[in-house]
Amino acid sequence: MDNIYSVMKRIHEIRGRFGLRTHRNVQRNASGQNSVSYQDYQARALERNHSAQDAGSADSRSGNKRSTVEDIKRIADYHAAANKVPPGLVKAVIEAESGYNPHAVSPKGAKGLMQLMPATIKNLGVIDPYDPNENISAGVGLLRTLLQNYNWDYKKALAAYNAGEKAVDRKGNVPDYNETREYVKKVINAYVRNNE
């Protein structure tokens, strides 16, 4: 996991040298390095977004299903930090799967923000797949499991999220399905964009 963040940091540095990133206000220490570690980021995200999770649960109990994209991003940040999954990756999956539409339904029956299949909904004990907090919680848990199963190989984990583990295991890599290959490319591009 640390290697992934080292690589992402290096990519960020290279982009900066070529003027390919947007300017952000980042605190730097005396040596010029970012002063915020990933662990600090996680702690802040958990603290900041604990109220967002509570608000999402309260909205669900009250029958209020309206969530803004910003609400959804805060919930995604919370569950990403709680599961130690990069928040940009979670948001990239949500973007690719549903375009931040909590009521999205695919032709194959996948539901909600992270497009959970009916069998996944049942296996994970999801009661309301259209509730942003519940859907993201289950989706991030599934994504973390896949990342662990594939030794943090993002391409394989994302391919398994899209096409299933059996398809990835048979191929030993991203299966030769155009939809899955496009999906993996789309999510990784969104992930890189989210981290600029």
Protein backbone atom coordinates (compact mmCIF):
# COMPACT_ATOMS: atom_id res chain seq x y z
CA MET A 1 0.00 0.00 0.00
CA ASP A 2 2.82 2.39 0.86
CA ASN A 3 4.32 1.74 -2.59
CA ILE A 4 1.09 2.86 -4.25
CA TYR A 5 1.15 6.15 -2.38
CA SER A 6 4.84 6.61 -3.19
CA VAL A 7 4.09 6.09 -6.87
CA MET A 8 1.11 8.47 -6.76
CA LYS A 9 3.26 11.08 -4.98
CA ARG A 10 5.96 10.71 -7.64
CA ILE A 11 3.40 11.05 -10.44
CA HIS A 12 2.09 14.17 -8.72
CA GLU A 13 5.64 15.60 -8.56
CA ILE A 14 6.29 14.86 -12.24
CA ARG A 15 2.99 16.43 -13.25
CA GLY A 16 3.94 19.51 -11.26
CA ARG A 17 7.22 19.77 -13.13
CA PHE A 18 5.40 19.71 -16.44
CA GLY A 19 2.61 22.03 -15.29
CA LEU A 20 0.00 19.27 -15.55
CA ARG A 21 -1.66 19.68 -12.18
CA THR A 22 -3.96 22.26 -10.72
CA HIS A 23 -2.72 24.46 -7.89
CA ARG A 24 -3.82 23.54 -4.39
CA ASN A 25 -3.12 25.05 -1.04
CA VAL A 26 -0.88 22.43 0.53
CA GLN A 27 1.02 22.97 3.75
CA ARG A 28 4.70 22.18 3.38
CA ASN A 29 7.28 21.60 6.04
CA ALA A 30 10.78 23.08 6.10
CA SER A 31 12.16 20.47 3.68
CA GLY A 32 9.45 21.31 1.12
CA GLN A 33 7.60 18.03 1.60
CA ASN A 34 3.86 17.77 2.26
CA SER A 35 3.35 17.90 6.00
CA VAL A 36 0.19 15.80 5.98
CA SER A 37 0.64 12.03 6.01
CA TYR A 38 -1.94 9.62 4.70
CA GLN A 39 -2.69 8.60 8.29
CA ASP A 40 -3.38 12.27 9.13
CA TYR A 41 -5.64 12.48 6.10
CA GLN A 42 -7.54 9.39 7.24
CA ALA A 43 -7.97 10.71 10.77
CA ARG A 44 -9.26 14.06 9.48
CA ALA A 45 -11.61 12.36 7.02
CA LEU A 46 -13.02 10.11 9.73
CA GLU A 47 -13.48 13.05 12.08
CA ARG A 48 -14.89 15.42 9.44
CA ASN A 49 -17.18 12.88 7.88
CA HIS A 50 -18.50 11.15 10.97
CA SER A 51 -21.28 13.73 10.98
CA ALA A 52 -21.92 13.06 7.26
CA GLN A 53 -22.43 9.37 8.01
CA ASP A 54 -24.77 10.22 10.87
CA ALA A 55 -26.65 12.62 8.59
CA GLY A 56 -26.92 9.92 5.92
CA SER A 57 -28.32 7.47 8.45
CA ALA A 58 -30.75 10.08 9.76
CA ASP A 59 -31.91 10.87 6.21
CA SER A 60 -32.47 7.17 5.61
CA ARG A 61 -34.52 6.74 8.79
CA SER A 62 -36.61 9.82 8.04
CA GLY A 63 -37.33 8.69 4.48
CA ASN A 64 -35.38 11.63 3.03
CA LYS A 65 -33.35 10.18 0.16
CA ARG A 66 -31.99 13.48 -1.22
CA SER A 67 -28.22 13.68 -1.19
CA THR A 68 -26.10 16.19 -3.04
CA VAL A 69 -22.91 15.19 -4.82
CA GLU A 70 -20.99 16.90 -2.01
CA ASP A 71 -22.90 14.84 0.60
CA ILE A 72 -22.07 11.68 -1.34
CA LYS A 73 -18.39 12.65 -1.57
CA ARG A 74 -18.23 13.21 2.20
CA ILE A 75 -19.82 9.80 2.83
CA ALA A 76 -17.36 8.25 0.35
CA ASP A 77 -14.43 9.92 2.14
CA TYR A 78 -15.66 8.58 5.48
CA HIS A 79 -15.99 4.96 4.31
CA ALA A 80 -12.73 5.15 2.33
CA ALA A 81 -10.84 6.29 5.43
CA ALA A 82 -12.58 3.72 7.65
CA ASN A 83 -11.59 0.93 5.22
CA LYS A 84 -8.14 2.33 4.35
CA VAL A 85 -9.02 2.57 0.66
CA PRO A 86 -7.92 5.66 -1.30
CA PRO A 87 -10.85 8.12 -1.31
CA GLY A 88 -10.13 9.14 -4.90
CA LEU A 89 -10.55 5.53 -5.97
CA VAL A 90 -13.91 5.20 -4.20
CA LYS A 91 -15.17 8.41 -5.83
CA ALA A 92 -13.88 7.23 -9.22
CA VAL A 93 -15.86 3.98 -8.86
CA ILE A 94 -19.01 5.92 -7.89
CA GLU A 95 -18.52 8.27 -10.84
CA ALA A 96 -18.06 5.38 -13.29
CA GLU A 97 -20.81 3.20 -11.85
CA SER A 98 -23.65 5.67 -11.32
CA GLY A 99 -22.52 9.20 -12.07
CA TYR A 100 -23.43 10.04 -8.43
CA ASN A 101 -27.07 9.00 -8.93
CA PRO A 102 -28.19 7.16 -5.77
CA HIS A 103 -31.21 5.72 -7.62
CA ALA A 104 -29.30 4.34 -10.61
CA VAL A 105 -30.30 0.86 -11.80
CA SER A 106 -28.38 -0.99 -14.52
CA PRO A 107 -29.98 -3.22 -17.15
CA LYS A 108 -28.48 -6.18 -15.23
CA GLY A 109 -30.15 -5.09 -11.98
CA ALA A 110 -27.21 -3.43 -10.20
CA LYS A 111 -28.46 -0.75 -7.81
CA GLY A 112 -27.39 2.52 -6.25
CA LEU A 113 -24.25 4.60 -6.24
CA MET A 114 -21.78 1.72 -6.36
CA GLN A 115 -24.06 -0.47 -8.48
CA LEU A 116 -24.40 -3.44 -6.16
CA MET A 117 -25.73 -6.60 -7.80
CA PRO A 118 -28.73 -8.32 -6.15
CA ALA A 119 -26.59 -11.25 -4.94
CA THR A 120 -24.07 -8.82 -3.44
CA ILE A 121 -26.87 -6.87 -1.76
CA LYS A 122 -28.14 -10.09 -0.18
CA ASN A 123 -24.67 -11.40 0.79
CA LEU A 124 -23.65 -8.11 2.41
CA GLY A 125 -26.97 -7.68 4.23
CA VAL A 126 -27.81 -4.39 2.54
CA ILE A 127 -31.36 -3.34 3.45
CA ASP A 128 -31.72 -0.26 1.22
CA PRO A 129 -29.33 -0.23 -1.77
CA TYR A 130 -30.52 3.29 -2.67
CA ASP A 131 -29.40 4.74 0.69
CA PRO A 132 -26.06 6.46 -0.06
CA ASN A 133 -24.52 5.61 3.30
CA GLU A 134 -25.49 1.93 3.18
CA ASN A 135 -24.62 1.49 -0.49
CA ILE A 136 -21.22 3.14 -0.19
CA SER A 137 -20.43 1.28 3.02
CA ALA A 138 -21.10 -2.06 1.33
CA GLY A 139 -19.42 -1.07 -1.95
CA VAL A 140 -16.24 0.14 -0.26
CA GLY A 141 -16.11 -3.01 1.87
CA LEU A 142 -16.38 -5.09 -1.31
CA LEU A 143 -13.76 -2.98 -3.06
CA ARG A 144 -11.34 -3.38 -0.14
CA THR A 145 -11.83 -7.16 -0.16
CA LEU A 146 -11.07 -7.27 -3.89
CA LEU A 147 -8.01 -5.06 -3.47
CA GLN A 148 -6.72 -7.39 -0.76
CA ASN A 149 -7.54 -10.52 -2.79
CA TYR A 150 -5.57 -9.16 -5.76
CA ASN A 151 -2.62 -7.89 -3.71
CA TRP A 152 -3.64 -4.23 -4.23
CA ASP A 153 -3.51 -4.59 -8.03
CA TYR A 154 -6.04 -1.88 -8.94
CA LYS A 155 -6.67 -3.18 -12.46
CA LYS A 156 -7.50 -6.71 -11.33
CA ALA A 157 -9.61 -5.50 -8.39
CA LEU A 158 -11.59 -3.11 -10.58
CA ALA A 159 -12.03 -5.78 -13.24
CA ALA A 160 -13.37 -8.14 -10.56
CA TYR A 161 -15.71 -5.40 -9.30
CA ASN A 162 -17.09 -5.11 -12.84
CA ALA A 163 -16.96 -8.64 -14.25
CA GLY A 164 -16.61 -10.82 -11.15
CA GLU A 165 -13.69 -12.62 -9.55
CA LYS A 166 -14.19 -15.79 -11.59
CA ALA A 167 -13.62 -13.92 -14.87
CA VAL A 168 -10.41 -12.32 -13.52
CA ASP A 169 -9.16 -15.60 -12.04
CA ARG A 170 -9.78 -17.49 -15.30
CA LYS A 171 -7.79 -14.92 -17.28
CA GLY A 172 -5.24 -14.22 -14.56
CA ASN A 173 -5.68 -10.57 -15.42
CA VAL A 174 -8.32 -8.17 -16.76
CA PRO A 175 -10.64 -10.34 -18.86
CA ASP A 176 -11.00 -9.73 -22.60
CA TYR A 177 -14.41 -8.08 -22.25
CA ASN A 178 -14.60 -4.68 -23.94
CA GLU A 179 -16.98 -3.41 -21.24
CA THR A 180 -14.60 -4.42 -18.45
CA ARG A 181 -11.50 -3.05 -20.15
CA GLU A 182 -13.28 0.28 -20.76
CA TYR A 183 -14.56 0.30 -17.18
CA VAL A 184 -11.08 -0.22 -15.71
CA LYS A 185 -9.66 2.53 -17.94
CA LYS A 186 -12.52 4.90 -17.02
CA VAL A 187 -12.12 4.36 -13.27
CA ILE A 188 -8.33 4.74 -13.33
CA ASN A 189 -8.60 7.94 -15.40
CA ALA A 190 -11.15 9.34 -12.93
CA TYR A 191 -8.92 8.27 -10.02
CA VAL A 192 -5.91 10.10 -11.48
CA ARG A 193 -8.11 13.15 -12.14
CA ASN A 194 -9.42 13.07 -8.54
CA ASN A 195 -5.83 13.10 -7.26
CA GLU A 196 -4.59 16.04 -9.35
